[in-house]
Amino acid sequence: MPYVNIKITREGATAEQKQELIRGVTRLLQDVLGKNPQTTFVIIEEVDTDNWGIAGETVTERRRQGK
């Protein structure tokens, strides 16, 4: 029973894009590992850019600086 947790920054991913991610990851697990799609869980968590840090800075600040 695979459980996949995808974390992305909250910047406007559409419902359609999220559905495509869920379908794609489920298909990948089925194709590569032979996992049953009926028991595959895919969770997408959206994180505010103020709460996601890279190299000691928030994503918000990095985006302001053009990084």
PDB file of N, CA and C in Angstrom:
ATOM      1  N   MET A   1       0.836  -1.169   0.000  1.00  0.00           N
ATOM      2  CA  MET A   1       0.000   0.000   0.000  1.00  0.00           C
ATOM      3  C   MET A   1       0.889   1.243   0.000  1.00  0.00           C
ATOM      4  N   PRO A   2       1.274   1.732  -1.179  1.00  0.00           N
ATOM      5  CA  PRO A   2       2.137   2.904  -1.250  1.00  0.00           C
ATOM      6  C   PRO A   2       1.437   4.162  -0.757  1.00  0.00           C
ATOM      7  N   TYR A   3       2.224   5.012  -0.129  1.00  0.00           N
ATOM      8  CA  TYR A   3       1.765   6.314   0.340  1.00  0.00           C
ATOM      9  C   TYR A   3       2.797   7.322  -0.153  1.00  0.00           C
ATOM     10  N   VAL A   4       2.388   8.253  -0.983  1.00  0.00           N
ATOM     11  CA  VAL A   4       3.290   9.256  -1.542  1.00  0.00           C
ATOM     12  C   VAL A   4       2.819  10.626  -1.074  1.00  0.00           C
ATOM     13  N   ASN A   5       3.735  11.412  -0.519  1.00  0.00           N
ATOM     14  CA  ASN A   5       3.423  12.756  -0.049  1.00  0.00           C
ATOM     15  C   ASN A   5       4.206  13.745  -0.901  1.00  0.00           C
ATOM     16  N   ILE A   6       3.497  14.531  -1.692  1.00  0.00           N
ATOM     17  CA  ILE A   6       4.107  15.549  -2.540  1.00  0.00           C
ATOM     18  C   ILE A   6       3.901  16.895  -1.857  1.00  0.00           C
ATOM     19  N   LYS A   7       4.994  17.621  -1.667  1.00  0.00           N
ATOM     20  CA  LYS A   7       4.902  18.954  -1.074  1.00  0.00           C
ATOM     21  C   LYS A   7       5.326  19.956  -2.134  1.00  0.00           C
ATOM     22  N   ILE A   8       4.455  20.953  -2.344  1.00  0.00           N
ATOM     23  CA  ILE A   8       4.738  22.022  -3.295  1.00  0.00           C
ATOM     24  C   ILE A   8       4.457  23.355  -2.610  1.00  0.00           C
ATOM     25  N   THR A   9       5.076  24.403  -3.135  1.00  0.00           N
ATOM     26  CA  THR A   9       4.755  25.724  -2.606  1.00  0.00           C
ATOM     27  C   THR A   9       3.375  26.131  -3.099  1.00  0.00           C
ATOM     28  N   ARG A  10       2.689  26.878  -2.254  1.00  0.00           N
ATOM     29  CA  ARG A  10       1.331  27.334  -2.567  1.00  0.00           C
ATOM     30  C   ARG A  10       1.430  28.537  -3.497  1.00  0.00           C
ATOM     31  N   GLU A  11       1.395  28.235  -4.785  1.00  0.00           N
ATOM     32  CA  GLU A  11       1.533  29.312  -5.769  1.00  0.00           C
ATOM     33  C   GLU A  11       0.598  29.102  -6.955  1.00  0.00           C
ATOM     34  N   GLY A  12      -0.540  28.530  -6.696  1.00  0.00           N
ATOM     35  CA  GLY A  12      -1.554  28.482  -7.728  1.00  0.00           C
ATOM     36  C   GLY A  12      -1.600  27.235  -8.594  1.00  0.00           C
ATOM     37  N   ALA A  13      -1.143  26.099  -8.085  1.00  0.00           N
ATOM     38  CA  ALA A  13      -1.333  24.864  -8.841  1.00  0.00           C
ATOM     39  C   ALA A  13      -2.834  24.631  -8.961  1.00  0.00           C
ATOM     40  N   THR A  14      -3.274  24.354 -10.167  1.00  0.00           N
ATOM     41  CA  THR A  14      -4.707  24.179 -10.384  1.00  0.00           C
ATOM     42  C   THR A  14      -5.149  22.781  -9.959  1.00  0.00           C
ATOM     43  N   ALA A  15      -6.460  22.638  -9.810  1.00  0.00           N
ATOM     44  CA  ALA A  15      -7.015  21.322  -9.483  1.00  0.00           C
ATOM     45  C   ALA A  15      -6.664  20.319 -10.577  1.00  0.00           C
ATOM     46  N   GLU A  16      -6.651  20.769 -11.819  1.00  0.00           N
ATOM     47  CA  GLU A  16      -6.307  19.892 -12.936  1.00  0.00           C
ATOM     48  C   GLU A  16      -4.845  19.441 -12.858  1.00  0.00           C
ATOM     49  N   GLN A  17      -3.952  20.339 -12.509  1.00  0.00           N
ATOM     50  CA  GLN A  17      -2.535  19.984 -12.371  1.00  0.00           C
ATOM     51  C   GLN A  17      -2.333  18.982 -11.233  1.00  0.00           C
ATOM     52  N   LYS A  18      -3.028  19.194 -10.137  1.00  0.00           N
ATOM     53  CA  LYS A  18      -2.917  18.266  -9.007  1.00  0.00           C
ATOM     54  C   LYS A  18      -3.457  16.899  -9.393  1.00  0.00           C
ATOM     55  N   GLN A  19      -4.569  16.861 -10.117  1.00  0.00           N
ATOM     56  CA  GLN A  19      -5.127  15.595 -10.580  1.00  0.00           C
ATOM     57  C   GLN A  19      -4.140  14.869 -11.486  1.00  0.00           C
ATOM     58  N   GLU A  20      -3.462  15.617 -12.347  1.00  0.00           N
ATOM     59  CA  GLU A  20      -2.461  15.026 -13.231  1.00  0.00           C
ATOM     60  C   GLU A  20      -1.295  14.444 -12.437  1.00  0.00           C
ATOM     61  N   LEU A  21      -0.863  15.148 -11.392  1.00  0.00           N
ATOM     62  CA  LEU A  21       0.192  14.618 -10.519  1.00  0.00           C
ATOM     63  C   LEU A  21      -0.247  13.308  -9.866  1.00  0.00           C
ATOM     64  N   ILE A  22      -1.459  13.296  -9.340  1.00  0.00           N
ATOM     65  CA  ILE A  22      -1.968  12.101  -8.667  1.00  0.00           C
ATOM     66  C   ILE A  22      -2.038  10.930  -9.641  1.00  0.00           C
ATOM     67  N   ARG A  23      -2.594  11.172 -10.828  1.00  0.00           N
ATOM     68  CA  ARG A  23      -2.672  10.105 -11.846  1.00  0.00           C
ATOM     69  C   ARG A  23      -1.292   9.619 -12.250  1.00  0.00           C
ATOM     70  N   GLY A  24      -0.381  10.580 -12.495  1.00  0.00           N
ATOM     71  CA  GLY A  24       0.957  10.225 -12.959  1.00  0.00           C
ATOM     72  C   GLY A  24       1.750   9.418 -11.943  1.00  0.00           C
ATOM     73  N   VAL A  25       1.704   9.829 -10.688  1.00  0.00           N
ATOM     74  CA  VAL A  25       2.433   9.110  -9.635  1.00  0.00           C
ATOM     75  C   VAL A  25       1.838   7.716  -9.444  1.00  0.00           C
ATOM     76  N   THR A  26       0.522   7.625  -9.468  1.00  0.00           N
ATOM     77  CA  THR A  26      -0.139   6.330  -9.321  1.00  0.00           C
ATOM     78  C   THR A  26       0.269   5.402 -10.464  1.00  0.00           C
ATOM     79  N   ARG A  27       0.257   5.925 -11.685  1.00  0.00           N
ATOM     80  CA  ARG A  27       0.652   5.135 -12.857  1.00  0.00           C
ATOM     81  C   ARG A  27       2.121   4.710 -12.768  1.00  0.00           C
ATOM     82  N   LEU A  28       2.979   5.616 -12.336  1.00  0.00           N
ATOM     83  CA  LEU A  28       4.402   5.308 -12.200  1.00  0.00           C
ATOM     84  C   LEU A  28       4.631   4.154 -11.224  1.00  0.00           C
ATOM     85  N   LEU A  29       3.965   4.198 -10.085  1.00  0.00           N
ATOM     86  CA  LEU A  29       4.109   3.116  -9.102  1.00  0.00           C
ATOM     87  C   LEU A  29       3.575   1.791  -9.655  1.00  0.00           C
ATOM     88  N   GLN A  30       2.524   1.866 -10.428  1.00  0.00           N
ATOM     89  CA  GLN A  30       1.994   0.650 -11.042  1.00  0.00           C
ATOM     90  C   GLN A  30       2.965   0.107 -12.084  1.00  0.00           C
ATOM     91  N   ASP A  31       3.478   0.975 -12.951  1.00  0.00           N
ATOM     92  CA  ASP A  31       4.363   0.543 -14.037  1.00  0.00           C
ATOM     93  C   ASP A  31       5.718   0.057 -13.550  1.00  0.00           C
ATOM     94  N   VAL A  32       6.302   0.762 -12.602  1.00  0.00           N
ATOM     95  CA  VAL A  32       7.667   0.444 -12.164  1.00  0.00           C
ATOM     96  C   VAL A  32       7.696  -0.640 -11.092  1.00  0.00           C
ATOM     97  N   LEU A  33       6.776  -0.566 -10.134  1.00  0.00           N
ATOM     98  CA  LEU A  33       6.819  -1.493  -9.002  1.00  0.00           C
ATOM     99  C   LEU A  33       5.669  -2.494  -8.981  1.00  0.00           C
ATOM    100  N   GLY A  34       4.761  -2.389  -9.943  1.00  0.00           N
ATOM    101  CA  GLY A  34       3.629  -3.311  -9.978  1.00  0.00           C
ATOM    102  C   GLY A  34       2.623  -3.082  -8.865  1.00  0.00           C
ATOM    103  N   LYS A  35       2.552  -1.863  -8.338  1.00  0.00           N
ATOM    104  CA  LYS A  35       1.640  -1.577  -7.226  1.00  0.00           C
ATOM    105  C   LYS A  35       0.211  -1.409  -7.723  1.00  0.00           C
ATOM    106  N   ASN A  36      -0.726  -1.818  -6.901  1.00  0.00           N
ATOM    107  CA  ASN A  36      -2.144  -1.739  -7.222  1.00  0.00           C
ATOM    108  C   ASN A  36      -2.628  -0.293  -7.067  1.00  0.00           C
ATOM    109  N   PRO A  37      -3.153   0.321  -8.134  1.00  0.00           N
ATOM    110  CA  PRO A  37      -3.645   1.694  -8.028  1.00  0.00           C
ATOM    111  C   PRO A  37      -4.762   1.852  -7.000  1.00  0.00           C
ATOM    112  N   GLN A  38      -5.514   0.797  -6.753  1.00  0.00           N
ATOM    113  CA  GLN A  38      -6.627   0.877  -5.806  1.00  0.00           C
ATOM    114  C   GLN A  38      -6.162   1.042  -4.364  1.00  0.00           C
ATOM    115  N   THR A  39      -4.905   0.716  -4.101  1.00  0.00           N
ATOM    116  CA  THR A  39      -4.383   0.852  -2.736  1.00  0.00           C
ATOM    117  C   THR A  39      -3.212   1.835  -2.667  1.00  0.00           C
ATOM    118  N   THR A  40      -3.108   2.710  -3.671  1.00  0.00           N
ATOM    119  CA  THR A  40      -2.046   3.715  -3.717  1.00  0.00           C
ATOM    120  C   THR A  40      -2.610   5.062  -3.276  1.00  0.00           C
ATOM    121  N   PHE A  41      -2.002   5.649  -2.270  1.00  0.00           N
ATOM    122  CA  PHE A  41      -2.433   6.937  -1.728  1.00  0.00           C
ATOM    123  C   PHE A  41      -1.434   8.009  -2.151  1.00  0.00           C
ATOM    124  N   VAL A  42      -1.937   9.112  -2.695  1.00  0.00           N
ATOM    125  CA  VAL A  42      -1.101  10.252  -3.066  1.00  0.00           C
ATOM    126  C   VAL A  42      -1.690  11.485  -2.383  1.00  0.00           C
ATOM    127  N   ILE A  43      -0.870  12.128  -1.582  1.00  0.00           N
ATOM    128  CA  ILE A  43      -1.282  13.326  -0.841  1.00  0.00           C
ATOM    129  C   ILE A  43      -0.471  14.503  -1.363  1.00  0.00           C
ATOM    130  N   ILE A  44      -1.141  15.601  -1.666  1.00  0.00           N
ATOM    131  CA  ILE A  44      -0.445  16.816  -2.076  1.00  0.00           C
ATOM    132  C   ILE A  44      -0.651  17.855  -0.980  1.00  0.00           C
ATOM    133  N   GLU A  45       0.461  18.342  -0.455  1.00  0.00           N
ATOM    134  CA  GLU A  45       0.420  19.389   0.570  1.00  0.00           C
ATOM    135  C   GLU A  45       0.994  20.662  -0.031  1.00  0.00           C
ATOM    136  N   GLU A  46       0.274  21.750   0.123  1.00  0.00           N
ATOM    137  CA  GLU A  46       0.749  23.041  -0.339  1.00  0.00           C
ATOM    138  C   GLU A  46       1.266  23.839   0.858  1.00  0.00           C
ATOM    139  N   VAL A  47       2.474  24.359   0.722  1.00  0.00           N
ATOM    140  CA  VAL A  47       3.138  25.066   1.808  1.00  0.00           C
ATOM    141  C   VAL A  47       3.338  26.522   1.397  1.00  0.00           C
ATOM    142  N   ASP A  48       2.991  27.437   2.279  1.00  0.00           N
ATOM    143  CA  ASP A  48       3.240  28.858   1.998  1.00  0.00           C
ATOM    144  C   ASP A  48       4.731  29.086   1.798  1.00  0.00           C
ATOM    145  N   THR A  49       5.068  29.981   0.892  1.00  0.00           N
ATOM    146  CA  THR A  49       6.485  30.235   0.608  1.00  0.00           C
ATOM    147  C   THR A  49       7.212  30.819   1.820  1.00  0.00           C
ATOM    148  N   ASP A  50       6.483  31.433   2.748  1.00  0.00           N
ATOM    149  CA  ASP A  50       7.104  31.915   3.990  1.00  0.00           C
ATOM    150  C   ASP A  50       7.523  30.754   4.892  1.00  0.00           C
ATOM    151  N   ASN A  51       6.962  29.576   4.663  1.00  0.00           N
ATOM    152  CA  ASN A  51       7.229  28.413   5.515  1.00  0.00           C
ATOM    153  C   ASN A  51       8.133  27.388   4.849  1.00  0.00           C
ATOM    154  N   TRP A  52       8.764  27.747   3.752  1.00  0.00           N
ATOM    155  CA  TRP A  52       9.643  26.832   3.024  1.00  0.00           C
ATOM    156  C   TRP A  52      10.981  27.521   2.883  1.00  0.00           C
ATOM    157  N   GLY A  53      12.018  26.912   3.412  1.00  0.00           N
ATOM    158  CA  GLY A  53      13.336  27.534   3.378  1.00  0.00           C
ATOM    159  C   GLY A  53      14.327  26.766   2.533  1.00  0.00           C
ATOM    160  N   ILE A  54      15.205  27.508   1.879  1.00  0.00           N
ATOM    161  CA  ILE A  54      16.305  26.942   1.096  1.00  0.00           C
ATOM    162  C   ILE A  54      17.542  27.770   1.407  1.00  0.00           C
ATOM    163  N   ALA A  55      18.611  27.118   1.770  1.00  0.00           N
ATOM    164  CA  ALA A  55      19.888  27.793   2.016  1.00  0.00           C
ATOM    165  C   ALA A  55      19.756  28.947   3.010  1.00  0.00           C
ATOM    166  N   GLY A  56      18.945  28.738   4.031  1.00  0.00           N
ATOM    167  CA  GLY A  56      18.821  29.723   5.094  1.00  0.00           C
ATOM    168  C   GLY A  56      17.874  30.876   4.802  1.00  0.00           C
ATOM    169  N   GLU A  57      17.153  30.818   3.688  1.00  0.00           N
ATOM    170  CA  GLU A  57      16.220  31.880   3.339  1.00  0.00           C
ATOM    171  C   GLU A  57      14.861  31.275   2.998  1.00  0.00           C
ATOM    172  N   THR A  58      13.807  32.054   3.215  1.00  0.00           N
ATOM    173  CA  THR A  58      12.491  31.582   2.797  1.00  0.00           C
ATOM    174  C   THR A  58      12.388  31.679   1.271  1.00  0.00           C
ATOM    175  N   VAL A  59      11.520  30.873   0.717  1.00  0.00           N
ATOM    176  CA  VAL A  59      11.279  30.942  -0.726  1.00  0.00           C
ATOM    177  C   VAL A  59      10.752  32.322  -1.096  1.00  0.00           C
ATOM    178  N   THR A  60       9.935  32.913  -0.220  1.00  0.00           N
ATOM    179  CA  THR A  60       9.418  34.262  -0.473  1.00  0.00           C
ATOM    180  C   THR A  60      10.559  35.240  -0.707  1.00  0.00           C
ATOM    181  N   GLU A  61      11.541  35.225   0.189  1.00  0.00           N
ATOM    182  CA  GLU A  61      12.687  36.135   0.077  1.00  0.00           C
ATOM    183  C   GLU A  61      13.529  35.818  -1.155  1.00  0.00           C
ATOM    184  N   ARG A  62      13.747  34.555  -1.408  1.00  0.00           N
ATOM    185  CA  ARG A  62      14.535  34.164  -2.587  1.00  0.00           C
ATOM    186  C   ARG A  62      13.863  34.634  -3.872  1.00  0.00           C
ATOM    187  N   ARG A  63      12.552  34.549  -3.917  1.00  0.00           N
ATOM    188  CA  ARG A  63      11.821  35.001  -5.109  1.00  0.00           C
ATOM    189  C   ARG A  63      11.948  36.514  -5.252  1.00  0.00           C
ATOM    190  N   ARG A  64      11.898  37.230  -4.127  1.00  0.00           N
ATOM    191  CA  ARG A  64      12.080  38.685  -4.176  1.00  0.00           C
ATOM    192  C   ARG A  64      13.441  39.052  -4.748  1.00  0.00           C
ATOM    193  N   GLN A  65      14.435  38.238  -4.416  1.00  0.00           N
ATOM    194  CA  GLN A  65      15.809  38.504  -4.871  1.00  0.00           C
ATOM    195  C   GLN A  65      16.057  37.949  -6.276  1.00  0.00           C
ATOM    196  N   GLY A  66      15.081  37.287  -6.842  1.00  0.00           N
ATOM    197  CA  GLY A  66      15.238  36.740  -8.189  1.00  0.00           C
ATOM    198  C   GLY A  66      16.043  35.462  -8.262  1.00  0.00           C
ATOM    199  N   LYS A  67      16.121  34.739  -7.149  1.00  0.00           N
ATOM    200  CA  LYS A  67      16.879  33.485  -7.119  1.00  0.00           C
ATOM    201  C   LYS A  67      16.035  32.322  -7.565  1.00  0.00           C
TER     202      LYS A  67
END
